[in-house]
Protein backbone atom coordinates (compact mmCIF):
# COMPACT_ATOMS: atom_id res chain seq x y z
CA MET A 1 113.25 -57.34 -50.05
CA LYS A 2 112.54 -54.17 -47.58
CA ASN A 3 108.75 -54.67 -47.66
CA ALA A 4 109.29 -58.49 -46.69
CA LEU A 5 111.49 -57.57 -43.81
CA ASP A 6 108.97 -54.72 -42.71
CA PHE A 7 106.35 -57.43 -42.76
CA VAL A 8 108.28 -59.87 -40.80
CA ASN A 9 109.08 -57.11 -37.99
CA LYS A 10 105.64 -56.10 -37.66
CA TRP A 11 104.28 -59.78 -37.38
CA LEU A 12 107.21 -60.46 -34.75
CA GLY A 13 106.02 -57.28 -32.95
CA GLU A 14 102.47 -58.35 -32.77
CA LEU A 15 103.34 -61.72 -31.62
CA THR A 16 105.60 -60.40 -28.87
CA GLU A 17 102.84 -58.07 -27.63
CA LEU A 18 100.49 -61.13 -27.83
CA LEU A 19 103.06 -63.31 -25.63
CA LYS A 20 103.46 -60.46 -23.14
CA THR A 21 99.71 -60.07 -22.64
CA LEU A 22 99.31 -63.91 -22.11
CA ILE A 23 102.29 -63.81 -19.53
CA VAL A 24 100.55 -61.07 -17.62
CA PHE A 25 97.34 -62.86 -17.93
CA GLY A 26 98.78 -66.17 -16.44
CA LEU A 27 100.35 -64.14 -13.57
CA ILE A 28 97.19 -62.71 -12.57
CA THR A 29 95.47 -66.33 -12.93
CA GLY A 30 98.39 -67.80 -10.93
CA ILE A 31 97.79 -65.30 -8.10
CA LEU A 32 94.01 -65.80 -8.06
CA PHE A 33 93.89 -69.41 -8.71
CA ASP A 34 97.00 -71.02 -7.16
CA ASP A 35 99.32 -71.08 -10.40
CA TYR A 36 97.07 -73.51 -12.17
CA PHE A 37 99.30 -72.96 -15.50
CA GLY A 38 102.71 -72.96 -13.73
CA VAL A 39 103.47 -69.23 -15.12
CA ILE A 40 104.84 -68.17 -11.79
CA ALA A 41 107.02 -71.14 -11.09
CA GLY A 42 108.45 -70.81 -14.63
CA ILE A 43 109.28 -67.12 -14.07
CA GLY A 44 110.98 -68.06 -10.83
CA ARG A 45 113.12 -70.78 -12.68
CA VAL A 46 114.35 -68.16 -15.14
CA VAL A 47 115.19 -65.68 -12.45
CA GLY A 48 116.91 -68.45 -10.62
CA GLN A 49 119.03 -69.21 -13.80
CA PHE A 50 120.10 -65.55 -13.98
CA GLY A 51 121.02 -65.77 -10.48
CA ASP A 52 123.09 -68.94 -10.69
CA GLY A 53 125.06 -67.45 -13.36
CA GLY A 54 126.67 -64.88 -11.06
CA ILE A 55 128.22 -61.88 -12.85
CA ALA A 56 127.44 -63.41 -16.29
CA GLY A 57 123.99 -63.80 -15.52
CA LEU A 58 123.75 -60.21 -14.14
CA LEU A 59 125.36 -58.76 -17.25
CA ALA A 60 122.96 -60.86 -19.34
CA LEU A 61 120.03 -59.15 -17.48
CA ILE A 62 121.27 -55.75 -17.83
CA ILE A 63 121.77 -56.25 -21.46
CA ILE A 64 118.29 -57.74 -21.80
CA ALA A 65 117.08 -54.86 -19.74
CA LEU A 66 118.91 -52.21 -21.97
CA TRP A 67 117.77 -53.94 -25.15
CA TYR A 68 114.15 -53.74 -23.99
CA GLN A 69 114.26 -50.31 -23.14
CA LYS A 70 115.24 -49.09 -26.43
CA LYS A 71 112.15 -50.41 -28.11
């Protein structure tokens, strides 16, 4: 059972790294070529949702940032 969980955690970690790389690529492409894929607009919508949440959105953002720093 532990081996299966280790395998899944490793696989999810690699998938997360791939997605982060794709987001950075999308940002650079959006800056250079007028946001063809809509990545910058999508990030703007997510940040706007945190802003619309008021204190709850701020707390959620802080929790996500702290959780990300632990890894």
